[in-house]
Amino acid sequence: MIDQALLNILACPKCKAAVKPEGDRLVCQNAACGLRYPIRNSIPIMLIDEAEKPGEPRKP
């Protein structure tokens, strides 16, 4: 689980919108962007190259 204080300051690196946790991903709240960033070992990987696009299959 990610600390709420950290969630309050995290933003999508592509569009700068807020993100929210959904399972083992942080999801950009901008409907036009919608990138999903993985969380590994309780650390969000906020790299655009690591993100999944909406509708794209989940990466392992």
C-alpha atoms as a PDB file:
ATOM      1  CA  MET A   1       0.000   0.000   0.000  1.00  0.00           C
ATOM      2  CA  ILE A   2       1.217   3.486  -0.822  1.00  0.00           C
ATOM      3  CA  ASP A   3       1.170   6.149   1.862  1.00  0.00           C
ATOM      4  CA  GLN A   4      -1.646   8.681   1.404  1.00  0.00           C
ATOM      5  CA  ALA A   5       0.772  11.603   1.788  1.00  0.00           C
ATOM      6  CA  LEU A   6       2.746  10.288  -1.198  1.00  0.00           C
ATOM      7  CA  LEU A   7      -0.427   9.769  -3.241  1.00  0.00           C
ATOM      8  CA  ASN A   8      -1.375  13.384  -2.586  1.00  0.00           C
ATOM      9  CA  ILE A   9       1.766  14.657  -4.334  1.00  0.00           C
ATOM     10  CA  LEU A  10       2.115  12.114  -7.163  1.00  0.00           C
ATOM     11  CA  ALA A  11       0.977  13.104 -10.644  1.00  0.00           C
ATOM     12  CA  CYS A  12       1.083  11.503 -14.064  1.00  0.00           C
ATOM     13  CA  PRO A  13       4.448  12.445 -15.604  1.00  0.00           C
ATOM     14  CA  LYS A  14       2.878  12.712 -19.066  1.00  0.00           C
ATOM     15  CA  CYS A  15      -0.112  15.003 -18.445  1.00  0.00           C
ATOM     16  CA  LYS A  16       0.401  16.082 -14.805  1.00  0.00           C
ATOM     17  CA  ALA A  17      -3.071  14.875 -13.720  1.00  0.00           C
ATOM     18  CA  ALA A  18      -3.731  13.189 -10.375  1.00  0.00           C
ATOM     19  CA  VAL A  19      -3.333   9.425 -10.062  1.00  0.00           C
ATOM     20  CA  LYS A  20      -5.244   6.961  -7.909  1.00  0.00           C
ATOM     21  CA  PRO A  21      -4.454   3.388  -6.881  1.00  0.00           C
ATOM     22  CA  GLU A  22      -6.273   0.527  -8.597  1.00  0.00           C
ATOM     23  CA  GLY A  23      -4.914  -2.833  -7.514  1.00  0.00           C
ATOM     24  CA  ASP A  24      -1.200  -2.983  -8.270  1.00  0.00           C
ATOM     25  CA  ARG A  25      -1.283   0.097 -10.527  1.00  0.00           C
ATOM     26  CA  LEU A  26      -1.609   3.865 -10.224  1.00  0.00           C
ATOM     27  CA  VAL A  27      -4.051   5.128 -12.834  1.00  0.00           C
ATOM     28  CA  CYS A  28      -3.992   8.610 -14.332  1.00  0.00           C
ATOM     29  CA  GLN A  29      -7.326  10.346 -13.749  1.00  0.00           C
ATOM     30  CA  ASN A  30      -7.212  12.300 -17.021  1.00  0.00           C
ATOM     31  CA  ALA A  31      -9.596  10.435 -19.362  1.00  0.00           C
ATOM     32  CA  ALA A  32      -7.596  11.573 -22.401  1.00  0.00           C
ATOM     33  CA  CYS A  33      -4.393  10.047 -20.964  1.00  0.00           C
ATOM     34  CA  GLY A  34      -5.364   7.159 -18.654  1.00  0.00           C
ATOM     35  CA  LEU A  35      -1.877   5.665 -18.340  1.00  0.00           C
ATOM     36  CA  ARG A  36      -1.465   2.930 -15.708  1.00  0.00           C
ATOM     37  CA  TYR A  37       1.801   2.914 -13.761  1.00  0.00           C
ATOM     38  CA  PRO A  38       2.948  -0.280 -12.016  1.00  0.00           C
ATOM     39  CA  ILE A  39       3.642  -0.486  -8.294  1.00  0.00           C
ATOM     40  CA  ARG A  40       6.516  -2.849  -7.465  1.00  0.00           C
ATOM     41  CA  ASN A  41       7.511  -3.631  -3.874  1.00  0.00           C
ATOM     42  CA  SER A  42       5.310  -0.728  -2.697  1.00  0.00           C
ATOM     43  CA  ILE A  43       7.198   1.670  -4.998  1.00  0.00           C
ATOM     44  CA  PRO A  44       5.296   3.384  -7.820  1.00  0.00           C
ATOM     45  CA  ILE A  45       7.204   3.234 -11.113  1.00  0.00           C
ATOM     46  CA  MET A  46       6.278   6.617 -12.567  1.00  0.00           C
ATOM     47  CA  LEU A  47       8.078   6.253 -15.898  1.00  0.00           C
ATOM     48  CA  ILE A  48       6.116   6.834 -19.105  1.00  0.00           C
ATOM     49  CA  ASP A  49       8.023   3.985 -20.800  1.00  0.00           C
ATOM     50  CA  GLU A  50       6.887   1.574 -18.044  1.00  0.00           C
ATOM     51  CA  ALA A  51       3.220   2.653 -18.167  1.00  0.00           C
ATOM     52  CA  GLU A  52       0.413   0.728 -19.826  1.00  0.00           C
ATOM     53  CA  LYS A  53      -1.925   2.562 -22.167  1.00  0.00           C
ATOM     54  CA  PRO A  54      -5.706   2.244 -21.735  1.00  0.00           C
ATOM     55  CA  GLY A  55      -6.954  -0.945 -23.363  1.00  0.00           C
ATOM     56  CA  GLU A  56      -3.439  -2.389 -23.565  1.00  0.00           C
ATOM     57  CA  PRO A  57      -2.874  -5.810 -21.959  1.00  0.00           C
ATOM     58  CA  ARG A  58      -1.245  -5.811 -18.549  1.00  0.00           C
ATOM     59  CA  LYS A  59       2.532  -6.092 -18.466  1.00  0.00           C
ATOM     60  CA  PRO A  60       4.028  -8.690 -16.124  1.00  0.00           C
END
